[in-house]
Amino acid sequence: MPRRLPQPCLCLVTDRRIAEGQALVERVVQAVDGGVDMVQLREKDLPGARLLELAQSLKTAIAGRALLVINERVDVAVACRADGAQLGEEALPVAQARALLGPDALVGRSVHCVTGAKEAAAQGADFLVAGTMYATGSHPGQPPAGPELVRRMAQACSIPIIGIGGITAANAGEVVLAGAQGVAVISSILAAPDPGEAARRLKQVLTDAWRKQRSND
């Protein structure tokens, strides 16, 4: 059966600059315990063998309690039998990635404009990761588009949208109310003193906003 994103979806993106090795795995597990639905392994500087090793460690640790998607490296996603892959705007076309991953895998595409969102949806992407929502240290100098970008994308295409960039418990609800199915975060959870509690707070904000957004439809 094809995989689907939870409603709402809280995604945690990894960053070894915050935690590395077993410490990273432990923080991810705490986050999943707190309510993270999807883990995106995004470590662009890691060579294939080390990335695969980390992917396998994460997959074993989260034990199917959250989806695991691999950023860009479709080959690693296949090798570790991940739930899917997250493609950048200039990564493999969706069709080629799906041919490698299999028909049941999730294929996401990062987008930064409505045109890109429409193209990704037309190519068969399962979900979009849209940014940048708010100012963020992971993309310094990139002007944030804000939730209005999500609103315009949601009007242009019907596949799930995940907002990313500077997301916190204070603003995550705005992104969902604009039409997103969820958010992706890094430091708001991974750098928190208690990743599990940070995830719980964020998930509750998402759940409340999702219910409100559904009731307004």
C-alpha atoms as a PDB file:
ATOM      1  CA  MET A   1       0.000   0.000   0.000  1.00  0.00           C
ATOM      2  CA  PRO A   2       1.395   3.446  -0.871  1.00  0.00           C
ATOM      3  CA  ARG A   3       2.638   5.367   2.153  1.00  0.00           C
ATOM      4  CA  ARG A   4       0.866   8.555   3.200  1.00  0.00           C
ATOM      5  CA  LEU A   5       1.837  11.496   5.339  1.00  0.00           C
ATOM      6  CA  PRO A   6       0.117  11.702   8.726  1.00  0.00           C
ATOM      7  CA  GLN A   7      -2.403  14.503   9.238  1.00  0.00           C
ATOM      8  CA  PRO A   8      -0.920  16.727  10.565  1.00  0.00           C
ATOM      9  CA  CYS A   9       2.712  15.827   9.984  1.00  0.00           C
ATOM     10  CA  LEU A  10       5.639  16.894  12.159  1.00  0.00           C
ATOM     11  CA  CYS A  11       8.928  16.315  10.344  1.00  0.00           C
ATOM     12  CA  LEU A  12      12.358  16.469  11.962  1.00  0.00           C
ATOM     13  CA  VAL A  13      15.330  17.219   9.707  1.00  0.00           C
ATOM     14  CA  THR A  14      18.699  16.035  10.990  1.00  0.00           C
ATOM     15  CA  ASP A  15      21.762  18.238  11.432  1.00  0.00           C
ATOM     16  CA  ARG A  16      25.034  16.794  12.712  1.00  0.00           C
ATOM     17  CA  ARG A  17      26.234  20.297  13.639  1.00  0.00           C
ATOM     18  CA  ILE A  18      23.772  20.101  16.545  1.00  0.00           C
ATOM     19  CA  ALA A  19      24.269  16.462  17.516  1.00  0.00           C
ATOM     20  CA  GLU A  20      26.375  13.739  15.960  1.00  0.00           C
ATOM     21  CA  GLY A  21      26.699   9.988  16.100  1.00  0.00           C
ATOM     22  CA  GLN A  22      24.816   8.209  18.848  1.00  0.00           C
ATOM     23  CA  ALA A  23      23.804  11.547  20.379  1.00  0.00           C
ATOM     24  CA  LEU A  24      21.969  12.398  17.168  1.00  0.00           C
ATOM     25  CA  VAL A  25      20.223   9.031  17.098  1.00  0.00           C
ATOM     26  CA  GLU A  26      19.183   9.399  20.742  1.00  0.00           C
ATOM     27  CA  ARG A  27      17.761  12.882  20.158  1.00  0.00           C
ATOM     28  CA  VAL A  28      15.822  11.661  17.149  1.00  0.00           C
ATOM     29  CA  VAL A  29      14.369   8.795  19.200  1.00  0.00           C
ATOM     30  CA  GLN A  30      13.304  11.228  21.932  1.00  0.00           C
ATOM     31  CA  ALA A  31      11.673  13.416  19.284  1.00  0.00           C
ATOM     32  CA  VAL A  32       9.789  10.467  17.814  1.00  0.00           C
ATOM     33  CA  ASP A  33       8.642   9.524  21.302  1.00  0.00           C
ATOM     34  CA  GLY A  34       7.312  13.070  21.594  1.00  0.00           C
ATOM     35  CA  GLY A  35       5.331  12.985  18.373  1.00  0.00           C
ATOM     36  CA  VAL A  36       7.583  13.411  15.341  1.00  0.00           C
ATOM     37  CA  ASP A  37       5.943  11.638  12.405  1.00  0.00           C
ATOM     38  CA  MET A  38       8.720  11.783   9.821  1.00  0.00           C
ATOM     39  CA  VAL A  39      12.506  11.983  10.033  1.00  0.00           C
ATOM     40  CA  GLN A  40      14.387  13.421   7.090  1.00  0.00           C
ATOM     41  CA  LEU A  41      18.041  12.403   7.051  1.00  0.00           C
ATOM     42  CA  ARG A  42      19.771  15.403   5.476  1.00  0.00           C
ATOM     43  CA  GLU A  43      23.543  15.279   5.797  1.00  0.00           C
ATOM     44  CA  LYS A  44      24.812  16.486   2.445  1.00  0.00           C
ATOM     45  CA  ASP A  45      28.507  16.284   3.343  1.00  0.00           C
ATOM     46  CA  LEU A  46      28.486  12.614   4.350  1.00  0.00           C
ATOM     47  CA  PRO A  47      29.866  10.100   1.826  1.00  0.00           C
ATOM     48  CA  GLY A  48      27.569   7.263   0.823  1.00  0.00           C
ATOM     49  CA  ALA A  49      28.882   4.569   3.152  1.00  0.00           C
ATOM     50  CA  ARG A  50      28.676   6.733   6.273  1.00  0.00           C
ATOM     51  CA  LEU A  51      25.278   8.095   5.273  1.00  0.00           C
ATOM     52  CA  LEU A  52      23.968   4.569   4.825  1.00  0.00           C
ATOM     53  CA  GLU A  53      25.332   3.570   8.220  1.00  0.00           C
ATOM     54  CA  LEU A  54      23.570   6.510   9.854  1.00  0.00           C
ATOM     55  CA  ALA A  55      20.365   5.788   7.942  1.00  0.00           C
ATOM     56  CA  GLN A  56      20.379   2.182   9.115  1.00  0.00           C
ATOM     57  CA  SER A  57      21.006   3.265  12.712  1.00  0.00           C
ATOM     58  CA  LEU A  58      18.087   5.694  12.580  1.00  0.00           C
ATOM     59  CA  LYS A  59      15.798   3.152  10.960  1.00  0.00           C
ATOM     60  CA  THR A  60      16.562   0.584  13.640  1.00  0.00           C
ATOM     61  CA  ALA A  61      16.170   3.133  16.434  1.00  0.00           C
ATOM     62  CA  ILE A  62      12.802   4.535  15.359  1.00  0.00           C
ATOM     63  CA  ALA A  63      11.551   1.028  14.517  1.00  0.00           C
ATOM     64  CA  GLY A  64       8.734   2.063  12.196  1.00  0.00           C
ATOM     65  CA  ARG A  65       7.256   4.566  14.674  1.00  0.00           C
ATOM     66  CA  ALA A  66       7.988   7.387  12.243  1.00  0.00           C
ATOM     67  CA  LEU A  67       8.628   7.582   8.525  1.00  0.00           C
ATOM     68  CA  LEU A  68      12.257   7.819   7.406  1.00  0.00           C
ATOM     69  CA  VAL A  69      13.092   9.689   4.214  1.00  0.00           C
ATOM     70  CA  ILE A  70      16.547  10.359   2.816  1.00  0.00           C
ATOM     71  CA  ASN A  71      17.461  13.732   1.377  1.00  0.00           C
ATOM     72  CA  GLU A  72      18.688  13.606  -2.252  1.00  0.00           C
ATOM     73  CA  ARG A  73      20.450  10.220  -2.016  1.00  0.00           C
ATOM     74  CA  VAL A  74      17.924   7.902  -3.611  1.00  0.00           C
ATOM     75  CA  ASP A  75      20.531   5.132  -3.716  1.00  0.00           C
ATOM     76  CA  VAL A  76      20.911   5.270   0.065  1.00  0.00           C
ATOM     77  CA  ALA A  77      17.135   5.317   0.488  1.00  0.00           C
ATOM     78  CA  VAL A  78      16.914   2.145  -1.590  1.00  0.00           C
ATOM     79  CA  ALA A  79      19.806   0.475   0.219  1.00  0.00           C
ATOM     80  CA  CYS A  80      18.352   1.038   3.701  1.00  0.00           C
ATOM     81  CA  ARG A  81      14.743   0.463   2.599  1.00  0.00           C
ATOM     82  CA  ALA A  82      13.688   3.889   3.766  1.00  0.00           C
ATOM     83  CA  ASP A  83      10.108   5.067   3.378  1.00  0.00           C
ATOM     84  CA  GLY A  84      11.092   7.477   0.657  1.00  0.00           C
ATOM     85  CA  ALA A  85      13.285  10.327  -0.492  1.00  0.00           C
ATOM     86  CA  GLN A  86      13.201  14.106  -0.358  1.00  0.00           C
ATOM     87  CA  LEU A  87      14.403  15.675  -3.608  1.00  0.00           C
ATOM     88  CA  GLY A  88      15.831  19.139  -4.061  1.00  0.00           C
ATOM     89  CA  GLU A  89      14.661  21.339  -6.907  1.00  0.00           C
ATOM     90  CA  GLU A  90      17.567  20.189  -9.091  1.00  0.00           C
ATOM     91  CA  ALA A  91      17.666  16.562  -7.966  1.00  0.00           C
ATOM     92  CA  LEU A  92      16.464  13.533  -9.941  1.00  0.00           C
ATOM     93  CA  PRO A  93      13.081  13.875 -11.634  1.00  0.00           C
ATOM     94  CA  VAL A  94      10.269  12.423  -9.564  1.00  0.00           C
ATOM     95  CA  ALA A  95       9.534   9.625 -12.046  1.00  0.00           C
ATOM     96  CA  GLN A  96      13.137   8.388 -12.033  1.00  0.00           C
ATOM     97  CA  ALA A  97      13.315   8.501  -8.251  1.00  0.00           C
ATOM     98  CA  ARG A  98      10.066   6.545  -7.957  1.00  0.00           C
ATOM     99  CA  ALA A  99      11.296   3.958 -10.462  1.00  0.00           C
ATOM    100  CA  LEU A 100      14.257   3.297  -8.167  1.00  0.00           C
ATOM    101  CA  LEU A 101      12.371   3.495  -4.872  1.00  0.00           C
ATOM    102  CA  GLY A 102       9.292   1.524  -5.902  1.00  0.00           C
ATOM    103  CA  PRO A 103       5.645   2.521  -6.278  1.00  0.00           C
ATOM    104  CA  ASP A 104       4.847   2.556  -2.556  1.00  0.00           C
ATOM    105  CA  ALA A 105       7.626   4.948  -1.522  1.00  0.00           C
ATOM    106  CA  LEU A 106       7.110   8.602  -0.679  1.00  0.00           C
ATOM    107  CA  VAL A 107       8.765  11.097  -2.996  1.00  0.00           C
ATOM    108  CA  GLY A 108       8.906  14.698  -1.825  1.00  0.00           C
ATOM    109  CA  ARG A 109      10.160  17.754  -3.660  1.00  0.00           C
ATOM    110  CA  SER A 110      11.541  20.975  -2.189  1.00  0.00           C
ATOM    111  CA  VAL A 111       9.941  24.044  -3.762  1.00  0.00           C
ATOM    112  CA  HIS A 112      10.251  27.785  -3.310  1.00  0.00           C
ATOM    113  CA  CYS A 113       7.598  29.191  -5.635  1.00  0.00           C
ATOM    114  CA  VAL A 114       4.128  28.378  -6.927  1.00  0.00           C
ATOM    115  CA  THR A 115       5.458  27.446 -10.366  1.00  0.00           C
ATOM    116  CA  GLY A 116       7.823  24.920  -8.805  1.00  0.00           C
ATOM    117  CA  ALA A 117       4.987  23.509  -6.721  1.00  0.00           C
ATOM    118  CA  LYS A 118       2.767  23.027  -9.752  1.00  0.00           C
ATOM    119  CA  GLU A 119       5.587  21.370 -11.697  1.00  0.00           C
ATOM    120  CA  ALA A 120       6.398  18.984  -8.841  1.00  0.00           C
ATOM    121  CA  ALA A 121       2.737  18.037  -8.464  1.00  0.00           C
ATOM    122  CA  ALA A 122       2.432  17.444 -12.202  1.00  0.00           C
ATOM    123  CA  GLN A 123       5.492  15.182 -12.074  1.00  0.00           C
ATOM    124  CA  GLY A 124       3.823  13.035  -9.436  1.00  0.00           C
ATOM    125  CA  ALA A 125       5.462  14.172  -6.192  1.00  0.00           C
ATOM    126  CA  ASP A 126       3.657  12.896  -3.091  1.00  0.00           C
ATOM    127  CA  PHE A 127       4.314  16.031  -1.061  1.00  0.00           C
ATOM    128  CA  LEU A 128       6.073  19.388  -1.179  1.00  0.00           C
ATOM    129  CA  VAL A 129       8.490  20.917   1.303  1.00  0.00           C
ATOM    130  CA  ALA A 130       7.959  24.646   0.907  1.00  0.00           C
ATOM    131  CA  GLY A 131      10.247  27.361   2.185  1.00  0.00           C
ATOM    132  CA  THR A 132      11.518  29.457   3.511  1.00  0.00           C
ATOM    133  CA  MET A 133       8.670  30.312   5.922  1.00  0.00           C
ATOM    134  CA  TYR A 134      10.594  32.461   8.397  1.00  0.00           C
ATOM    135  CA  ALA A 135      14.171  33.686   8.824  1.00  0.00           C
ATOM    136  CA  THR A 136      16.465  30.776   9.651  1.00  0.00           C
ATOM    137  CA  GLY A 137      20.122  30.188  10.315  1.00  0.00           C
ATOM    138  CA  SER A 138      20.176  27.182   7.979  1.00  0.00           C
ATOM    139  CA  HIS A 139      19.518  29.505   5.005  1.00  0.00           C
ATOM    140  CA  PRO A 140      21.125  32.827   5.967  1.00  0.00           C
ATOM    141  CA  GLY A 141      20.448  35.699   3.635  1.00  0.00           C
ATOM    142  CA  GLN A 142      17.413  34.039   2.050  1.00  0.00           C
ATOM    143  CA  PRO A 143      14.350  36.267   2.443  1.00  0.00           C
ATOM    144  CA  PRO A 144      11.504  34.368   4.119  1.00  0.00           C
ATOM    145  CA  ALA A 145       8.354  33.928   2.035  1.00  0.00           C
ATOM    146  CA  GLY A 146       6.027  33.456   4.987  1.00  0.00           C
ATOM    147  CA  PRO A 147       2.822  31.393   5.201  1.00  0.00           C
ATOM    148  CA  GLU A 148       1.404  33.305   2.242  1.00  0.00           C
ATOM    149  CA  LEU A 149       3.571  31.117   0.003  1.00  0.00           C
ATOM    150  CA  VAL A 150       1.849  28.027   1.416  1.00  0.00           C
ATOM    151  CA  ARG A 151      -1.540  29.623   0.863  1.00  0.00           C
ATOM    152  CA  ARG A 152      -0.794  30.276  -2.798  1.00  0.00           C
ATOM    153  CA  MET A 153       0.665  26.793  -3.321  1.00  0.00           C
ATOM    154  CA  ALA A 154      -2.352  25.159  -1.681  1.00  0.00           C
ATOM    155  CA  GLN A 155      -4.632  27.027  -4.063  1.00  0.00           C
ATOM    156  CA  ALA A 156      -2.549  25.894  -7.054  1.00  0.00           C
ATOM    157  CA  CYS A 157      -2.130  22.173  -6.270  1.00  0.00           C
ATOM    158  CA  SER A 158      -3.757  19.541  -4.080  1.00  0.00           C
ATOM    159  CA  ILE A 159      -0.842  17.485  -2.734  1.00  0.00           C
ATOM    160  CA  PRO A 160       0.304  17.879   0.900  1.00  0.00           C
ATOM    161  CA  ILE A 161       2.594  20.793   1.732  1.00  0.00           C
ATOM    162  CA  ILE A 162       5.134  20.831   4.557  1.00  0.00           C
ATOM    163  CA  GLY A 163       6.375  24.272   5.577  1.00  0.00           C
ATOM    164  CA  ILE A 164      10.037  24.654   6.506  1.00  0.00           C
ATOM    165  CA  GLY A 165      12.344  27.410   7.696  1.00  0.00           C
ATOM    166  CA  GLY A 166      12.421  29.067  11.098  1.00  0.00           C
ATOM    167  CA  ILE A 167       9.475  27.042  12.401  1.00  0.00           C
ATOM    168  CA  THR A 168       8.815  27.196  16.150  1.00  0.00           C
ATOM    169  CA  ALA A 169       5.903  26.378  18.421  1.00  0.00           C
ATOM    170  CA  ALA A 170       4.994  30.073  18.243  1.00  0.00           C
ATOM    171  CA  ASN A 171       4.472  30.162  14.463  1.00  0.00           C
ATOM    172  CA  ALA A 172       3.831  26.577  13.349  1.00  0.00           C
ATOM    173  CA  GLY A 173       0.074  27.010  13.661  1.00  0.00           C
ATOM    174  CA  GLU A 174       0.113  29.904  11.187  1.00  0.00           C
ATOM    175  CA  VAL A 175       1.672  27.657   8.560  1.00  0.00           C
ATOM    176  CA  VAL A 176      -0.982  24.972   8.990  1.00  0.00           C
ATOM    177  CA  LEU A 177      -3.796  27.527   8.975  1.00  0.00           C
ATOM    178  CA  ALA A 178      -2.405  28.803   5.672  1.00  0.00           C
ATOM    179  CA  GLY A 179      -2.950  25.348   4.146  1.00  0.00           C
ATOM    180  CA  ALA A 180       0.056  23.214   5.059  1.00  0.00           C
ATOM    181  CA  GLN A 181      -0.384  19.631   6.234  1.00  0.00           C
ATOM    182  CA  GLY A 182       2.553  20.025   8.570  1.00  0.00           C
ATOM    183  CA  VAL A 183       5.951  21.549   9.238  1.00  0.00           C
ATOM    184  CA  ALA A 184       9.585  20.501   9.175  1.00  0.00           C
ATOM    185  CA  VAL A 185      11.984  21.683  11.851  1.00  0.00           C
ATOM    186  CA  ILE A 186      15.608  21.309  12.825  1.00  0.00           C
ATOM    187  CA  SER A 187      16.811  23.268  15.840  1.00  0.00           C
ATOM    188  CA  SER A 188      13.380  23.795  17.425  1.00  0.00           C
ATOM    189  CA  ILE A 189      13.499  20.125  18.370  1.00  0.00           C
ATOM    190  CA  LEU A 190      17.033  18.878  17.810  1.00  0.00           C
ATOM    191  CA  ALA A 191      18.708  21.687  19.783  1.00  0.00           C
ATOM    192  CA  ALA A 192      16.095  21.778  22.543  1.00  0.00           C
ATOM    193  CA  PRO A 193      17.146  20.741  26.077  1.00  0.00           C
ATOM    194  CA  ASP A 194      14.401  18.083  25.918  1.00  0.00           C
ATOM    195  CA  PRO A 195      13.713  17.048  22.287  1.00  0.00           C
ATOM    196  CA  GLY A 196      10.762  14.902  23.336  1.00  0.00           C
ATOM    197  CA  GLU A 197       8.999  17.726  25.149  1.00  0.00           C
ATOM    198  CA  ALA A 198       9.768  20.146  22.296  1.00  0.00           C
ATOM    199  CA  ALA A 199       8.218  17.689  19.860  1.00  0.00           C
ATOM    200  CA  ARG A 200       5.136  17.287  22.045  1.00  0.00           C
ATOM    201  CA  ARG A 201       4.583  21.048  22.174  1.00  0.00           C
ATOM    202  CA  LEU A 202       4.955  21.407  18.429  1.00  0.00           C
ATOM    203  CA  LYS A 203       2.698  18.443  17.695  1.00  0.00           C
ATOM    204  CA  GLN A 204      -0.024  19.869  19.933  1.00  0.00           C
ATOM    205  CA  VAL A 205       0.185  23.220  18.133  1.00  0.00           C
ATOM    206  CA  LEU A 206      -0.101  21.436  14.791  1.00  0.00           C
ATOM    207  CA  THR A 207      -3.025  19.308  15.944  1.00  0.00           C
ATOM    208  CA  ASP A 208      -4.944  22.312  17.254  1.00  0.00           C
ATOM    209  CA  ALA A 209      -4.319  24.301  14.055  1.00  0.00           C
ATOM    210  CA  TRP A 210      -5.203  21.315  11.855  1.00  0.00           C
ATOM    211  CA  ARG A 211      -8.549  20.857  13.587  1.00  0.00           C
ATOM    212  CA  LYS A 212      -9.286  24.557  13.272  1.00  0.00           C
ATOM    213  CA  GLN A 213      -8.286  24.607   9.622  1.00  0.00           C
ATOM    214  CA  ARG A 214     -10.462  21.559   8.855  1.00  0.00           C
ATOM    215  CA  SER A 215     -13.422  23.083  10.634  1.00  0.00           C
ATOM    216  CA  ASN A 216     -13.093  26.204   8.473  1.00  0.00           C
ATOM    217  CA  ASP A 217     -13.210  24.253   5.182  1.00  0.00           C
END
